[in-house]
Protein backbone atom coordinates (compact mmCIF):
# COMPACT_ATOMS: atom_id res chain seq x y z
CA UNK A 1 0.00 0.00 0.01
CA UNK A 2 2.77 2.38 0.49
CA UNK A 3 3.25 2.47 -3.24
CA UNK A 4 -0.37 3.50 -3.86
CA UNK A 5 -0.18 6.36 -1.42
CA UNK A 6 3.13 7.47 -2.91
CA UNK A 7 1.51 7.45 -6.36
CA UNK A 8 -1.40 9.53 -5.07
CA UNK A 9 1.06 11.99 -3.48
CA UNK A 10 3.07 12.17 -6.72
CA UNK A 11 -0.16 12.65 -8.72
CA UNK A 12 -1.37 15.36 -6.34
CA UNK A 13 2.06 16.98 -6.37
CA UNK A 14 2.08 16.94 -10.23
CA UNK A 15 -1.39 18.44 -10.41
CA UNK A 16 -0.41 21.18 -7.92
CA UNK A 17 2.69 21.96 -9.97
CA UNK A 18 0.66 22.14 -13.20
CA UNK A 19 -1.88 24.40 -11.49
CA UNK A 20 0.85 26.74 -10.19
CA UNK A 21 2.55 26.78 -13.64
CA UNK A 22 -0.75 27.63 -15.33
CA UNK A 23 -1.44 30.35 -12.76
CA UNK A 24 2.03 31.87 -13.31
CA UNK A 25 1.61 31.86 -17.11
CA UNK A 26 -1.85 33.43 -16.83
CA UNK A 27 -0.51 36.11 -14.48
CA UNK A 28 2.39 36.88 -16.83
CA UNK A 29 0.00 37.12 -19.79
CA UNK A 30 -2.23 39.48 -17.81
CA UNK A 31 0.73 41.69 -16.79
CA UNK A 32 2.24 41.77 -20.30
CA UNK A 33 -1.13 42.53 -21.92
CA UNK A 34 -1.76 45.31 -19.40
CA UNK A 35 1.68 46.81 -20.03
CA UNK A 36 1.15 46.75 -23.78
CA UNK A 37 -2.27 48.36 -23.44
CA UNK A 38 -0.80 51.07 -21.17
CA UNK A 39 2.00 51.71 -23.66
CA UNK A 40 -0.44 52.00 -26.54
CA UNK A 41 -2.60 54.46 -24.64
CA UNK A 42 0.37 56.70 -23.85
CA UNK A 43 1.61 56.70 -27.46
CA UNK A 44 -0.04 59.73 -29.12
CA UNK A 45 -2.14 58.99 -32.14
CA UNK A 46 -0.80 60.25 -35.43
CA UNK A 47 -2.54 63.48 -36.43
CA UNK A 48 -4.75 63.12 -39.43
CA UNK A 49 -3.77 65.01 -42.52
CA UNK A 50 -6.07 67.90 -43.40
CA UNK A 51 -6.13 69.40 -46.87
CA UNK A 52 -5.83 73.18 -47.17
CA UNK A 53 -9.58 73.38 -47.82
CA UNK A 54 -10.33 71.35 -44.71
CA UNK A 55 -8.01 73.53 -42.63
CA UNK A 56 -9.71 76.66 -43.95
CA UNK A 57 -13.16 75.19 -43.19
CA UNK A 58 -12.19 74.06 -39.68
CA UNK A 59 -10.60 77.35 -38.63
CA UNK A 60 -12.41 79.45 -36.06
CA UNK A 61 -10.11 82.42 -35.39
CA UNK A 62 -8.13 84.75 -37.65
CA UNK A 63 -5.38 87.29 -37.17
CA UNK A 64 -4.94 89.90 -39.95
CA UNK A 65 -1.50 91.46 -40.33
CA UNK A 66 -0.35 94.35 -42.49
CA UNK A 67 2.77 92.87 -44.11
CA UNK A 68 3.71 96.14 -45.80
CA UNK A 69 2.47 98.99 -47.92
CA UNK A 70 -0.58 101.18 -47.56
CA UNK A 71 -2.91 100.64 -44.61
CA UNK A 72 -6.04 101.04 -46.80
CA UNK A 73 -6.24 97.45 -48.13
CA UNK A 74 -5.35 96.13 -44.65
CA UNK A 75 -8.17 98.17 -43.09
CA UNK A 76 -10.67 96.97 -45.76
CA UNK A 77 -9.75 93.30 -45.37
CA UNK A 78 -9.60 93.42 -41.56
CA UNK A 79 -13.00 95.14 -41.46
CA UNK A 80 -14.43 92.55 -43.87
CA UNK A 81 -13.30 89.71 -41.58
CA UNK A 82 -14.80 91.43 -38.56
CA UNK A 83 -18.10 92.01 -40.35
CA UNK A 84 -18.28 88.51 -41.88
CA UNK A 85 -18.88 86.67 -38.61
CA UNK A 86 -17.41 83.44 -39.94
CA UNK A 87 -14.15 83.90 -38.06
CA UNK A 88 -13.50 85.42 -34.64
CA UNK A 89 -10.68 87.98 -34.53
CA UNK A 90 -7.66 86.87 -32.51
CA UNK A 91 -5.52 89.19 -30.39
CA UNK A 92 -2.25 87.71 -31.70
CA UNK A 93 -0.99 85.33 -34.36
CA UNK A 94 -0.23 82.72 -31.65
CA UNK A 95 -3.92 82.60 -30.60
CA UNK A 96 -5.26 82.34 -34.15
CA UNK A 97 -6.03 79.39 -36.44
CA UNK A 98 -5.36 81.47 -39.55
CA UNK A 99 -2.86 84.20 -40.23
CA UNK A 100 -3.84 86.61 -43.02
CA UNK A 101 -1.02 88.75 -44.42
CA UNK A 102 -1.98 91.77 -46.51
CA UNK A 103 0.62 93.42 -48.74
CA UNK A 104 -0.03 96.41 -50.91
CA UNK A 105 1.78 99.13 -52.77
CA UNK A 106 2.91 102.17 -50.82
CA UNK A 107 0.62 105.18 -50.96
CA UNK A 108 0.66 106.85 -54.32
CA UNK A 109 3.74 108.92 -54.89
CA UNK A 110 2.87 111.93 -56.97
CA UNK A 111 5.27 114.83 -57.17
CA UNK A 112 4.65 118.27 -58.55
CA UNK A 113 7.38 120.68 -59.48
CA UNK A 114 7.18 124.25 -60.66
CA UNK A 115 9.77 125.82 -62.81
CA UNK A 116 10.16 129.44 -63.89
CA UNK A 117 12.10 130.22 -67.02
CA UNK A 118 12.73 133.37 -69.04
CA UNK A 119 11.36 133.25 -72.58
CA UNK A 120 12.98 134.87 -75.62
CA UNK A 121 11.21 138.19 -74.92
CA UNK A 122 12.67 138.32 -71.43
CA UNK A 123 9.34 137.53 -69.73
CA UNK A 124 9.10 134.90 -66.96
CA UNK A 125 7.32 131.68 -67.95
CA UNK A 126 6.05 129.26 -65.33
CA UNK A 127 5.65 125.57 -66.01
CA UNK A 128 4.19 122.87 -63.75
CA UNK A 129 5.32 119.27 -64.05
CA UNK A 130 3.40 116.47 -62.34
CA UNK A 131 4.80 112.93 -62.21
CA UNK A 132 3.45 109.73 -60.84
CA UNK A 133 5.78 106.94 -59.71
CA UNK A 134 4.83 103.65 -61.33
CA UNK A 135 5.78 100.45 -59.56
CA UNK A 136 4.23 97.20 -58.44
CA UNK A 137 0.60 98.02 -57.78
CA UNK A 138 -0.68 94.57 -56.71
CA UNK A 139 -2.60 94.06 -53.51
CA UNK A 140 -1.79 90.59 -52.10
CA UNK A 141 -3.48 88.47 -49.50
CA UNK A 142 -1.83 85.29 -48.16
CA UNK A 143 -3.70 83.01 -45.75
CA UNK A 144 -1.52 80.70 -43.66
CA UNK A 145 -2.11 78.09 -41.03
CA UNK A 146 -1.02 80.01 -37.95
CA UNK A 147 0.64 76.98 -36.33
CA UNK A 148 2.53 75.41 -39.25
CA UNK A 149 2.78 78.56 -41.44
CA UNK A 150 1.72 76.54 -44.49
CA UNK A 151 0.10 78.71 -47.17
CA UNK A 152 -3.58 77.63 -47.47
CA UNK A 153 -4.73 80.29 -49.94
CA UNK A 154 -3.23 83.30 -51.70
CA UNK A 155 -4.15 85.71 -54.43
CA UNK A 156 -3.29 89.17 -55.71
CA UNK A 157 -5.25 91.81 -57.58
CA UNK A 158 -3.73 94.84 -59.35
CA UNK A 159 -4.94 98.22 -58.18
CA UNK A 160 -5.67 100.48 -61.11
CA UNK A 161 -3.26 103.37 -61.52
CA UNK A 162 -4.44 106.88 -60.81
CA UNK A 163 -2.87 110.32 -60.70
CA UNK A 164 -5.14 111.73 -58.03
CA UNK A 165 -4.69 110.57 -54.47
CA UNK A 166 -8.44 110.03 -53.91
CA UNK A 167 -8.76 107.92 -57.08
CA UNK A 168 -5.70 105.87 -56.05
CA UNK A 169 -7.20 105.25 -52.59
CA UNK A 170 -10.52 104.20 -54.19
CA UNK A 171 -8.65 101.78 -56.44
CA UNK A 172 -6.86 100.26 -53.43
CA UNK A 173 -10.23 99.78 -51.71
CA UNK A 174 -11.66 98.15 -54.85
CA UNK A 175 -8.68 95.76 -55.14
CA UNK A 176 -8.94 94.77 -51.46
CA UNK A 177 -12.70 94.18 -51.75
CA UNK A 178 -12.10 92.01 -54.82
CA UNK A 179 -9.51 89.91 -52.88
CA UNK A 180 -11.87 89.51 -49.94
CA UNK A 181 -14.72 88.48 -52.29
CA UNK A 182 -12.45 85.79 -53.82
CA UNK A 183 -11.57 84.43 -50.38
CA UNK A 184 -15.18 84.54 -49.18
CA UNK A 185 -16.29 82.60 -52.25
CA UNK A 186 -13.59 80.01 -51.56
CA UNK A 187 -14.87 79.45 -48.01
CA UNK A 188 -18.57 79.86 -48.73
CA UNK A 189 -19.14 79.27 -52.47
CA UNK A 190 -22.06 81.29 -53.87
CA UNK A 191 -25.23 79.40 -54.68
CA UNK A 192 -25.51 78.22 -58.30
CA UNK A 193 -27.85 80.34 -60.37
């Protein structure tokens, strides 16, 4: 009989060892699976790629910056953004979703000179000469993603030349309005007629 009880003890001992081995493997699997899950949750997800159109559509705030030239187109475009209601104005470029840069020609440079000469009869003759400096007269608007500085939209419109200051200013306003209309139609296309 001693052999039978030894067999039972050996059988019980084997079962206990198998049970402990199974328990250790299950515990290790649980710990490893938990560690992997924790590691996956701490790894940031890759950001999804947004097209320029999607970035423009998802933007909520805008910062308009005068990148050079006359303040007239800047004032027109800035006022148009404020009046549109589609975007909220941001206090700084760092707080904005979009950065709008407006570049325009300097204010019209017209110079007038008077000259007095003596004619053949010895009488003074006055002549007036007016000149207008001609240069790059395009009003440009560049819309960038404020975080990545990627250009999302840009366009330029020439301002018509003018000799009179008032006409020149009106032409700058017209060019800025045209640019803003182009951008507005890109964001909110007009209804088909």
